[in-house]
Amino acid sequence: MEIEKALEELRKLGEEDVIYKNAGPLLIKTKKTDTVKDLEEKKELSKTRLLVLGKQEARVKENLKEVETKINEMIRIGQNQRGTDLGASGTSSVPGN
């Protein structure tokens, strides 16, 4: 992850080393401690988002399976009804079919 690599590089630097951070098209001089704190917060936020998205994905998959089961059941019922609508002659007893 990009944040982890940045933190790793920051840990190699001394407390008094000059650090610049992107602010749009500008580079702004910052303190190492502030930058590390910001990156740690972003890292935690990313982990939280990943966890939430994982849970949402699981729920969507579960809902999809339920809908798929319902659709398959409706198809099966429809096929059974169509089979019973066909008389012994193999033609539909339902008008218009």
PDB file of N, CA and C in Angstrom:
ATOM      1  N   MET A   1       0.844  -1.182   0.000  1.00  0.00           N
ATOM      2  CA  MET A   1       0.000   0.000   0.000  1.00  0.00           C
ATOM      3  C   MET A   1       0.884   1.238   0.000  1.00  0.00           C
ATOM      4  N   GLU A   2       0.424   2.233  -0.710  1.00  0.00           N
ATOM      5  CA  GLU A   2       1.190   3.467  -0.864  1.00  0.00           C
ATOM      6  C   GLU A   2       1.453   4.164   0.467  1.00  0.00           C
ATOM      7  N   ILE A   3       0.467   4.174   1.332  1.00  0.00           N
ATOM      8  CA  ILE A   3       0.606   4.839   2.630  1.00  0.00           C
ATOM      9  C   ILE A   3       1.669   4.142   3.470  1.00  0.00           C
ATOM     10  N   GLU A   4       1.664   2.824   3.460  1.00  0.00           N
ATOM     11  CA  GLU A   4       2.647   2.077   4.244  1.00  0.00           C
ATOM     12  C   GLU A   4       4.064   2.337   3.750  1.00  0.00           C
ATOM     13  N   LYS A   5       4.235   2.426   2.440  1.00  0.00           N
ATOM     14  CA  LYS A   5       5.562   2.726   1.880  1.00  0.00           C
ATOM     15  C   LYS A   5       6.022   4.117   2.293  1.00  0.00           C
ATOM     16  N   ALA A   6       5.099   5.076   2.268  1.00  0.00           N
ATOM     17  CA  ALA A   6       5.431   6.442   2.677  1.00  0.00           C
ATOM     18  C   ALA A   6       5.831   6.477   4.156  1.00  0.00           C
ATOM     19  N   LEU A   7       5.069   5.761   4.995  1.00  0.00           N
ATOM     20  CA  LEU A   7       5.403   5.709   6.425  1.00  0.00           C
ATOM     21  C   LEU A   7       6.763   5.061   6.647  1.00  0.00           C
ATOM     22  N   GLU A   8       7.042   4.022   5.891  1.00  0.00           N
ATOM     23  CA  GLU A   8       8.331   3.333   6.006  1.00  0.00           C
ATOM     24  C   GLU A   8       9.480   4.283   5.671  1.00  0.00           C
ATOM     25  N   GLU A   9       9.303   5.060   4.613  1.00  0.00           N
ATOM     26  CA  GLU A   9      10.340   6.022   4.224  1.00  0.00           C
ATOM     27  C   GLU A   9      10.483   7.137   5.261  1.00  0.00           C
ATOM     28  N   LEU A  10       9.359   7.584   5.819  1.00  0.00           N
ATOM     29  CA  LEU A  10       9.414   8.635   6.840  1.00  0.00           C
ATOM     30  C   LEU A  10      10.139   8.159   8.097  1.00  0.00           C
ATOM     31  N   ARG A  11       9.969   6.908   8.432  1.00  0.00           N
ATOM     32  CA  ARG A  11      10.627   6.372   9.634  1.00  0.00           C
ATOM     33  C   ARG A  11      12.143   6.341   9.479  1.00  0.00           C
ATOM     34  N   LYS A  12      12.620   6.313   8.254  1.00  0.00           N
ATOM     35  CA  LYS A  12      14.066   6.310   8.002  1.00  0.00           C
ATOM     36  C   LYS A  12      14.679   7.692   8.194  1.00  0.00           C
ATOM     37  N   LEU A  13      13.832   8.719   8.134  1.00  0.00           N
ATOM     38  CA  LEU A  13      14.320  10.092   8.235  1.00  0.00           C
ATOM     39  C   LEU A  13      14.481  10.527   9.681  1.00  0.00           C
ATOM     40  N   GLY A  14      15.342  11.479   9.883  1.00  0.00           N
ATOM     41  CA  GLY A  14      15.517  12.073  11.204  1.00  0.00           C
ATOM     42  C   GLY A  14      14.423  13.077  11.478  1.00  0.00           C
ATOM     43  N   GLU A  15      14.281  13.450  12.741  1.00  0.00           N
ATOM     44  CA  GLU A  15      13.228  14.392  13.128  1.00  0.00           C
ATOM     45  C   GLU A  15      13.410  15.770  12.499  1.00  0.00           C
ATOM     46  N   GLU A  16      14.633  16.157  12.200  1.00  0.00           N
ATOM     47  CA  GLU A  16      14.901  17.495  11.670  1.00  0.00           C
ATOM     48  C   GLU A  16      15.013  17.521  10.147  1.00  0.00           C
ATOM     49  N   ASP A  17      14.876  16.359   9.489  1.00  0.00           N
ATOM     50  CA  ASP A  17      14.951  16.331   8.023  1.00  0.00           C
ATOM     51  C   ASP A  17      13.757  17.084   7.438  1.00  0.00           C
ATOM     52  N   VAL A  18      13.994  17.737   6.299  1.00  0.00           N
ATOM     53  CA  VAL A  18      12.956  18.519   5.636  1.00  0.00           C
ATOM     54  C   VAL A  18      12.017  17.568   4.894  1.00  0.00           C
ATOM     55  N   ILE A  19      10.720  17.784   5.087  1.00  0.00           N
ATOM     56  CA  ILE A  19       9.701  16.968   4.433  1.00  0.00           C
ATOM     57  C   ILE A  19       8.736  17.905   3.722  1.00  0.00           C
ATOM     58  N   TYR A  20       8.379  17.516   2.510  1.00  0.00           N
ATOM     59  CA  TYR A  20       7.396  18.276   1.735  1.00  0.00           C
ATOM     60  C   TYR A  20       6.218  17.356   1.422  1.00  0.00           C
ATOM     61  N   LYS A  21       5.044  17.965   1.406  1.00  0.00           N
ATOM     62  CA  LYS A  21       3.855  17.180   1.086  1.00  0.00           C
ATOM     63  C   LYS A  21       3.080  17.882  -0.016  1.00  0.00           C
ATOM     64  N   ASN A  22       2.427  17.060  -0.841  1.00  0.00           N
ATOM     65  CA  ASN A  22       1.625  17.567  -1.954  1.00  0.00           C
ATOM     66  C   ASN A  22       0.383  18.259  -1.447  1.00  0.00           C
ATOM     67  N   ALA A  23       0.098  19.412  -2.031  1.00  0.00           N
ATOM     68  CA  ALA A  23      -1.162  20.109  -1.799  1.00  0.00           C
ATOM     69  C   ALA A  23      -1.590  20.609  -3.177  1.00  0.00           C
ATOM     70  N   GLY A  24      -2.201  19.737  -3.932  1.00  0.00           N
ATOM     71  CA  GLY A  24      -2.530  20.063  -5.316  1.00  0.00           C
ATOM     72  C   GLY A  24      -1.248  20.177  -6.114  1.00  0.00           C
ATOM     73  N   PRO A  25      -1.060  21.271  -6.836  1.00  0.00           N
ATOM     74  CA  PRO A  25       0.167  21.416  -7.635  1.00  0.00           C
ATOM     75  C   PRO A  25       1.359  21.943  -6.821  1.00  0.00           C
ATOM     76  N   LEU A  26       1.150  22.169  -5.529  1.00  0.00           N
ATOM     77  CA  LEU A  26       2.202  22.741  -4.680  1.00  0.00           C
ATOM     78  C   LEU A  26       2.838  21.692  -3.785  1.00  0.00           C
ATOM     79  N   LEU A  27       4.072  21.948  -3.383  1.00  0.00           N
ATOM     80  CA  LEU A  27       4.731  21.167  -2.343  1.00  0.00           C
ATOM     81  C   LEU A  27       4.881  22.080  -1.137  1.00  0.00           C
ATOM     82  N   ILE A  28       4.413  21.597   0.010  1.00  0.00           N
ATOM     83  CA  ILE A  28       4.422  22.412   1.223  1.00  0.00           C
ATOM     84  C   ILE A  28       5.320  21.740   2.253  1.00  0.00           C
ATOM     85  N   LYS A  29       6.157  22.529   2.890  1.00  0.00           N
ATOM     86  CA  LYS A  29       7.050  22.027   3.923  1.00  0.00           C
ATOM     87  C   LYS A  29       6.232  21.679   5.162  1.00  0.00           C
ATOM     88  N   THR A  30       6.448  20.468   5.712  1.00  0.00           N
ATOM     89  CA  THR A  30       5.698  20.032   6.892  1.00  0.00           C
ATOM     90  C   THR A  30       6.640  19.397   7.903  1.00  0.00           C
ATOM     91  N   LYS A  31       6.101  19.170   9.089  1.00  0.00           N
ATOM     92  CA  LYS A  31       6.853  18.476  10.134  1.00  0.00           C
ATOM     93  C   LYS A  31       6.663  16.979   9.964  1.00  0.00           C
ATOM     94  N   LYS A  32       7.683  16.229  10.280  1.00  0.00           N
ATOM     95  CA  LYS A  32       7.615  14.774  10.155  1.00  0.00           C
ATOM     96  C   LYS A  32       6.490  14.210  11.024  1.00  0.00           C
ATOM     97  N   THR A  33       6.375  14.692  12.258  1.00  0.00           N
ATOM     98  CA  THR A  33       5.362  14.148  13.169  1.00  0.00           C
ATOM     99  C   THR A  33       3.948  14.384  12.645  1.00  0.00           C
ATOM    100  N   ASP A  34       3.715  15.574  12.059  1.00  0.00           N
ATOM    101  CA  ASP A  34       2.394  15.867  11.498  1.00  0.00           C
ATOM    102  C   ASP A  34       2.091  14.963  10.308  1.00  0.00           C
ATOM    103  N   THR A  35       3.089  14.751   9.469  1.00  0.00           N
ATOM    104  CA  THR A  35       2.904  13.923   8.286  1.00  0.00           C
ATOM    105  C   THR A  35       2.655  12.466   8.674  1.00  0.00           C
ATOM    106  N   VAL A  36       3.408  11.975   9.645  1.00  0.00           N
ATOM    107  CA  VAL A  36       3.218  10.594  10.106  1.00  0.00           C
ATOM    108  C   VAL A  36       1.818  10.439  10.701  1.00  0.00           C
ATOM    109  N   LYS A  37       1.404  11.408  11.498  1.00  0.00           N
ATOM    110  CA  LYS A  37       0.072  11.366  12.106  1.00  0.00           C
ATOM    111  C   LYS A  37      -1.017  11.338  11.028  1.00  0.00           C
ATOM    112  N   ASP A  38      -0.889  12.210  10.021  1.00  0.00           N
ATOM    113  CA  ASP A  38      -1.866  12.249   8.925  1.00  0.00           C
ATOM    114  C   ASP A  38      -1.921  10.918   8.175  1.00  0.00           C
ATOM    115  N   LEU A  39      -0.766  10.359   7.891  1.00  0.00           N
ATOM    116  CA  LEU A  39      -0.719   9.089   7.151  1.00  0.00           C
ATOM    117  C   LEU A  39      -1.292   7.935   7.973  1.00  0.00           C
ATOM    118  N   GLU A  40      -1.019   7.941   9.266  1.00  0.00           N
ATOM    119  CA  GLU A  40      -1.581   6.891  10.140  1.00  0.00           C
ATOM    120  C   GLU A  40      -3.109   6.978  10.162  1.00  0.00           C
ATOM    121  N   GLU A  41      -3.635   8.200  10.212  1.00  0.00           N
ATOM    122  CA  GLU A  41      -5.085   8.392  10.193  1.00  0.00           C
ATOM    123  C   GLU A  41      -5.675   7.906   8.871  1.00  0.00           C
ATOM    124  N   LYS A  42      -5.016   8.232   7.770  1.00  0.00           N
ATOM    125  CA  LYS A  42      -5.483   7.784   6.454  1.00  0.00           C
ATOM    126  C   LYS A  42      -5.441   6.258   6.353  1.00  0.00           C
ATOM    127  N   LYS A  43      -4.409   5.673   6.944  1.00  0.00           N
ATOM    128  CA  LYS A  43      -4.271   4.217   6.928  1.00  0.00           C
ATOM    129  C   LYS A  43      -5.427   3.565   7.691  1.00  0.00           C
ATOM    130  N   GLU A  44      -5.754   4.093   8.851  1.00  0.00           N
ATOM    131  CA  GLU A  44      -6.858   3.557   9.649  1.00  0.00           C
ATOM    132  C   GLU A  44      -8.194   3.739   8.931  1.00  0.00           C
ATOM    133  N   LEU A  45      -8.375   4.892   8.317  1.00  0.00           N
ATOM    134  CA  LEU A  45      -9.601   5.150   7.568  1.00  0.00           C
ATOM    135  C   LEU A  45      -9.735   4.172   6.401  1.00  0.00           C
ATOM    136  N   SER A  46      -8.632   3.895   5.731  1.00  0.00           N
ATOM    137  CA  SER A  46      -8.640   2.935   4.623  1.00  0.00           C
ATOM    138  C   SER A  46      -9.009   1.540   5.108  1.00  0.00           C
ATOM    139  N   LYS A  47      -8.477   1.145   6.248  1.00  0.00           N
ATOM    140  CA  LYS A  47      -8.800  -0.168   6.814  1.00  0.00           C
ATOM    141  C   LYS A  47     -10.287  -0.260   7.151  1.00  0.00           C
ATOM    142  N   THR A  48     -10.819   0.809   7.729  1.00  0.00           N
ATOM    143  CA  THR A  48     -12.238   0.837   8.087  1.00  0.00           C
ATOM    144  C   THR A  48     -13.109   0.755   6.843  1.00  0.00           C
ATOM    145  N   ARG A  49     -12.754   1.517   5.827  1.00  0.00           N
ATOM    146  CA  ARG A  49     -13.511   1.486   4.572  1.00  0.00           C
ATOM    147  C   ARG A  49     -13.471   0.098   3.947  1.00  0.00           C
ATOM    148  N   LEU A  50     -12.316  -0.522   3.975  1.00  0.00           N
ATOM    149  CA  LEU A  50     -12.161  -1.866   3.416  1.00  0.00           C
ATOM    150  C   LEU A  50     -13.051  -2.860   4.155  1.00  0.00           C
ATOM    151  N   LEU A  51     -13.096  -2.748   5.468  1.00  0.00           N
ATOM    152  CA  LEU A  51     -13.940  -3.627   6.277  1.00  0.00           C
ATOM    153  C   LEU A  51     -15.418  -3.428   5.948  1.00  0.00           C
ATOM    154  N   VAL A  52     -15.838  -2.169   5.850  1.00  0.00           N
ATOM    155  CA  VAL A  52     -17.235  -1.854   5.532  1.00  0.00           C
ATOM    156  C   VAL A  52     -17.583  -2.372   4.140  1.00  0.00           C
ATOM    157  N   LEU A  53     -16.708  -2.155   3.170  1.00  0.00           N
ATOM    158  CA  LEU A  53     -16.977  -2.625   1.815  1.00  0.00           C
ATOM    159  C   LEU A  53     -17.045  -4.148   1.757  1.00  0.00           C
ATOM    160  N   GLY A  54     -16.223  -4.822   2.536  1.00  0.00           N
ATOM    161  CA  GLY A  54     -16.275  -6.279   2.596  1.00  0.00           C
ATOM    162  C   GLY A  54     -17.613  -6.769   3.118  1.00  0.00           C
ATOM    163  N   LYS A  55     -18.110  -6.103   4.156  1.00  0.00           N
ATOM    164  CA  LYS A  55     -19.415  -6.473   4.717  1.00  0.00           C
ATOM    165  C   LYS A  55     -20.532  -6.182   3.715  1.00  0.00           C
ATOM    166  N   GLN A  56     -20.455  -5.045   3.035  1.00  0.00           N
ATOM    167  CA  GLN A  56     -21.463  -4.706   2.030  1.00  0.00           C
ATOM    168  C   GLN A  56     -21.450  -5.723   0.888  1.00  0.00           C
ATOM    169  N   GLU A  57     -20.274  -6.128   0.483  1.00  0.00           N
ATOM    170  CA  GLU A  57     -20.149  -7.119  -0.583  1.00  0.00           C
ATOM    171  C   GLU A  57     -20.808  -8.436  -0.170  1.00  0.00           C
ATOM    172  N   ALA A  58     -20.576  -8.850   1.049  1.00  0.00           N
ATOM    173  CA  ALA A  58     -21.171 -10.096   1.547  1.00  0.00           C
ATOM    174  C   ALA A  58     -22.689  -9.994   1.545  1.00  0.00           C
ATOM    175  N   ARG A  59     -23.232  -8.850   1.978  1.00  0.00           N
ATOM    176  CA  ARG A  59     -24.682  -8.653   1.988  1.00  0.00           C
ATOM    177  C   ARG A  59     -25.264  -8.663   0.575  1.00  0.00           C
ATOM    178  N   VAL A  60     -24.576  -8.016  -0.349  1.00  0.00           N
ATOM    179  CA  VAL A  60     -25.049  -7.975  -1.730  1.00  0.00           C
ATOM    180  C   VAL A  60     -25.045  -9.380  -2.329  1.00  0.00           C
ATOM    181  N   LYS A  61     -23.997 -10.144  -2.059  1.00  0.00           N
ATOM    182  CA  LYS A  61     -23.935 -11.518  -2.563  1.00  0.00           C
ATOM    183  C   LYS A  61     -25.063 -12.362  -1.979  1.00  0.00           C
ATOM    184  N   GLU A  62     -25.333 -12.181  -0.700  1.00  0.00           N
ATOM    185  CA  GLU A  62     -26.417 -12.924  -0.048  1.00  0.00           C
ATOM    186  C   GLU A  62     -27.767 -12.552  -0.662  1.00  0.00           C
ATOM    187  N   ASN A  63     -27.995 -11.258  -0.858  1.00  0.00           N
ATOM    188  CA  ASN A  63     -29.247 -10.797  -1.482  1.00  0.00           C
ATOM    189  C   ASN A  63     -29.368 -11.327  -2.906  1.00  0.00           C
ATOM    190  N   LEU A  64     -28.267 -11.339  -3.625  1.00  0.00           N
ATOM    191  CA  LEU A  64     -28.269 -11.848  -4.994  1.00  0.00           C
ATOM    192  C   LEU A  64     -28.653 -13.321  -5.028  1.00  0.00           C
ATOM    193  N   LYS A  65     -28.126 -14.090  -4.091  1.00  0.00           N
ATOM    194  CA  LYS A  65     -28.478 -15.509  -4.021  1.00  0.00           C
ATOM    195  C   LYS A  65     -29.962 -15.692  -3.725  1.00  0.00           C
ATOM    196  N   GLU A  66     -30.503 -14.871  -2.819  1.00  0.00           N
ATOM    197  CA  GLU A  66     -31.930 -14.950  -2.492  1.00  0.00           C
ATOM    198  C   GLU A  66     -32.787 -14.628  -3.717  1.00  0.00           C
ATOM    199  N   VAL A  67     -32.424 -13.581  -4.443  1.00  0.00           N
ATOM    200  CA  VAL A  67     -33.174 -13.203  -5.637  1.00  0.00           C
ATOM    201  C   VAL A  67     -33.059 -14.294  -6.697  1.00  0.00           C
ATOM    202  N   GLU A  68     -31.875 -14.826  -6.860  1.00  0.00           N
ATOM    203  CA  GLU A  68     -31.660 -15.904  -7.833  1.00  0.00           C
ATOM    204  C   GLU A  68     -32.528 -17.117  -7.490  1.00  0.00           C
ATOM    205  N   THR A  69     -32.585 -17.458  -6.213  1.00  0.00           N
ATOM    206  CA  THR A  69     -33.414 -18.580  -5.768  1.00  0.00           C
ATOM    207  C   THR A  69     -34.880 -18.303  -6.073  1.00  0.00           C
ATOM    208  N   LYS A  70     -35.348 -17.097  -5.786  1.00  0.00           N
ATOM    209  CA  LYS A  70     -36.747 -16.734  -6.059  1.00  0.00           C
ATOM    210  C   LYS A  70     -37.041 -16.793  -7.558  1.00  0.00           C
ATOM    211  N   ILE A  71     -36.141 -16.288  -8.368  1.00  0.00           N
ATOM    212  CA  ILE A  71     -36.339 -16.310  -9.823  1.00  0.00           C
ATOM    213  C   ILE A  71     -36.395 -17.748 -10.322  1.00  0.00           C
ATOM    214  N   ASN A  72     -35.472 -18.571  -9.863  1.00  0.00           N
ATOM    215  CA  ASN A  72     -35.460 -19.971 -10.282  1.00  0.00           C
ATOM    216  C   ASN A  72     -36.742 -20.680  -9.862  1.00  0.00           C
ATOM    217  N   GLU A  73     -37.234 -20.353  -8.676  1.00  0.00           N
ATOM    218  CA  GLU A  73     -38.482 -20.949  -8.197  1.00  0.00           C
ATOM    219  C   GLU A  73     -39.650 -20.500  -9.074  1.00  0.00           C
ATOM    220  N   MET A  74     -39.674 -19.218  -9.423  1.00  0.00           N
ATOM    221  CA  MET A  74     -40.740 -18.714 -10.286  1.00  0.00           C
ATOM    222  C   MET A  74     -40.673 -19.366 -11.666  1.00  0.00           C
ATOM    223  N   ILE A  75     -39.490 -19.552 -12.186  1.00  0.00           N
ATOM    224  CA  ILE A  75     -39.330 -20.221 -13.479  1.00  0.00           C
ATOM    225  C   ILE A  75     -39.832 -21.658 -13.384  1.00  0.00           C
ATOM    226  N   ARG A  76     -39.453 -22.336 -12.317  1.00  0.00           N
ATOM    227  CA  ARG A  76     -39.876 -23.732 -12.136  1.00  0.00           C
ATOM    228  C   ARG A  76     -41.397 -23.823 -12.041  1.00  0.00           C
ATOM    229  N   ILE A  77     -42.011 -22.919 -11.282  1.00  0.00           N
ATOM    230  CA  ILE A  77     -43.473 -22.910 -11.140  1.00  0.00           C
ATOM    231  C   ILE A  77     -44.122 -22.617 -12.495  1.00  0.00           C
ATOM    232  N   GLY A  78     -43.562 -21.660 -13.229  1.00  0.00           N
ATOM    233  CA  GLY A  78     -44.082 -21.320 -14.541  1.00  0.00           C
ATOM    234  C   GLY A  78     -44.000 -22.480 -15.513  1.00  0.00           C
ATOM    235  N   GLN A  79     -42.899 -23.221 -15.460  1.00  0.00           N
ATOM    236  CA  GLN A  79     -42.755 -24.382 -16.337  1.00  0.00           C
ATOM    237  C   GLN A  79     -43.741 -25.476 -15.948  1.00  0.00           C
ATOM    238  N   ASN A  80     -43.945 -25.675 -14.657  1.00  0.00           N
ATOM    239  CA  ASN A  80     -44.899 -26.688 -14.196  1.00  0.00           C
ATOM    240  C   ASN A  80     -46.318 -26.320 -14.622  1.00  0.00           C
ATOM    241  N   GLN A  81     -46.665 -25.049 -14.494  1.00  0.00           N
ATOM    242  CA  GLN A  81     -48.003 -24.610 -14.892  1.00  0.00           C
ATOM    243  C   GLN A  81     -48.184 -24.755 -16.395  1.00  0.00           C
ATOM    244  N   ARG A  82     -47.181 -24.454 -17.149  1.00  0.00           N
ATOM    245  CA  ARG A  82     -47.263 -24.574 -18.602  1.00  0.00           C
ATOM    246  C   ARG A  82     -47.430 -26.035 -18.986  1.00  0.00           C
ATOM    247  N   GLY A  83     -46.726 -26.911 -18.263  1.00  0.00           N
ATOM    248  CA  GLY A  83     -46.836 -28.341 -18.536  1.00  0.00           C
ATOM    249  C   GLY A  83     -48.223 -28.866 -18.228  1.00  0.00           C
ATOM    250  N   THR A  84     -48.859 -28.355 -17.204  1.00  0.00           N
ATOM    251  CA  THR A  84     -50.219 -28.808 -16.863  1.00  0.00           C
ATOM    252  C   THR A  84     -51.241 -28.173 -17.787  1.00  0.00           C
ATOM    253  N   ASP A  85     -50.911 -26.985 -18.361  1.00  0.00           N
ATOM    254  CA  ASP A  85     -51.820 -26.340 -19.303  1.00  0.00           C
ATOM    255  C   ASP A  85     -51.862 -27.066 -20.638  1.00  0.00           C
ATOM    256  N   LEU A  86     -50.804 -27.773 -20.967  1.00  0.00           N
ATOM    257  CA  LEU A  86     -50.786 -28.530 -22.206  1.00  0.00           C
ATOM    258  C   LEU A  86     -51.633 -29.776 -22.021  1.00  0.00           C
ATOM    259  N   GLY A  87     -52.581 -29.975 -22.871  1.00  0.00           N
ATOM    260  CA  GLY A  87     -53.438 -31.156 -22.766  1.00  0.00           C
ATOM    261  C   GLY A  87     -52.721 -32.385 -23.294  1.00  0.00           C
ATOM    262  N   ALA A  88     -53.420 -33.475 -23.363  1.00  0.00           N
ATOM    263  CA  ALA A  88     -52.850 -34.723 -23.858  1.00  0.00           C
ATOM    264  C   ALA A  88     -52.426 -34.592 -25.303  1.00  0.00           C
ATOM    265  N   SER A  89     -53.046 -33.684 -26.069  1.00  0.00           N
ATOM    266  CA  SER A  89     -52.716 -33.523 -27.471  1.00  0.00           C
ATOM    267  C   SER A  89     -51.452 -32.710 -27.667  1.00  0.00           C
ATOM    268  N   GLY A  90     -50.921 -32.119 -26.556  1.00  0.00           N
ATOM    269  CA  GLY A  90     -49.693 -31.342 -26.639  1.00  0.00           C
ATOM    270  C   GLY A  90     -49.956 -29.903 -27.027  1.00  0.00           C
ATOM    271  N   THR A  91     -51.185 -29.523 -27.107  1.00  0.00           N
ATOM    272  CA  THR A  91     -51.514 -28.129 -27.420  1.00  0.00           C
ATOM    273  C   THR A  91     -51.980 -27.437 -26.144  1.00  0.00           C
ATOM    274  N   SER A  92     -51.865 -26.178 -26.130  1.00  0.00           N
ATOM    275  CA  SER A  92     -52.228 -25.419 -24.937  1.00  0.00           C
ATOM    276  C   SER A  92     -53.729 -25.311 -24.818  1.00  0.00           C
ATOM    277  N   SER A  93     -54.212 -25.483 -23.608  1.00  0.00           N
ATOM    278  CA  SER A  93     -55.628 -25.307 -23.350  1.00  0.00           C
ATOM    279  C   SER A  93     -55.941 -23.880 -22.961  1.00  0.00           C
ATOM    280  N   VAL A  94     -54.889 -23.038 -22.889  1.00  0.00           N
ATOM    281  CA  VAL A  94     -55.049 -21.644 -22.545  1.00  0.00           C
ATOM    282  C   VAL A  94     -55.322 -20.876 -23.824  1.00  0.00           C
ATOM    283  N   PRO A  95     -56.368 -20.105 -23.896  1.00  0.00           N
ATOM    284  CA  PRO A  95     -56.674 -19.355 -25.107  1.00  0.00           C
ATOM    285  C   PRO A  95     -55.512 -18.451 -25.504  1.00  0.00           C
ATOM    286  N   GLY A  96     -55.223 -18.409 -26.791  1.00  0.00           N
ATOM    287  CA  GLY A  96     -54.157 -17.548 -27.292  1.00  0.00           C
ATOM    288  C   GLY A  96     -52.800 -18.223 -27.302  1.00  0.00           C
ATOM    289  N   ASN A  97     -52.665 -19.433 -26.796  1.00  0.00           N
ATOM    290  CA  ASN A  97     -51.375 -20.130 -26.799  1.00  0.00           C
ATOM    291  C   ASN A  97     -51.399 -21.305 -27.723  1.00  0.00           C
TER     292      ASN A  97
END
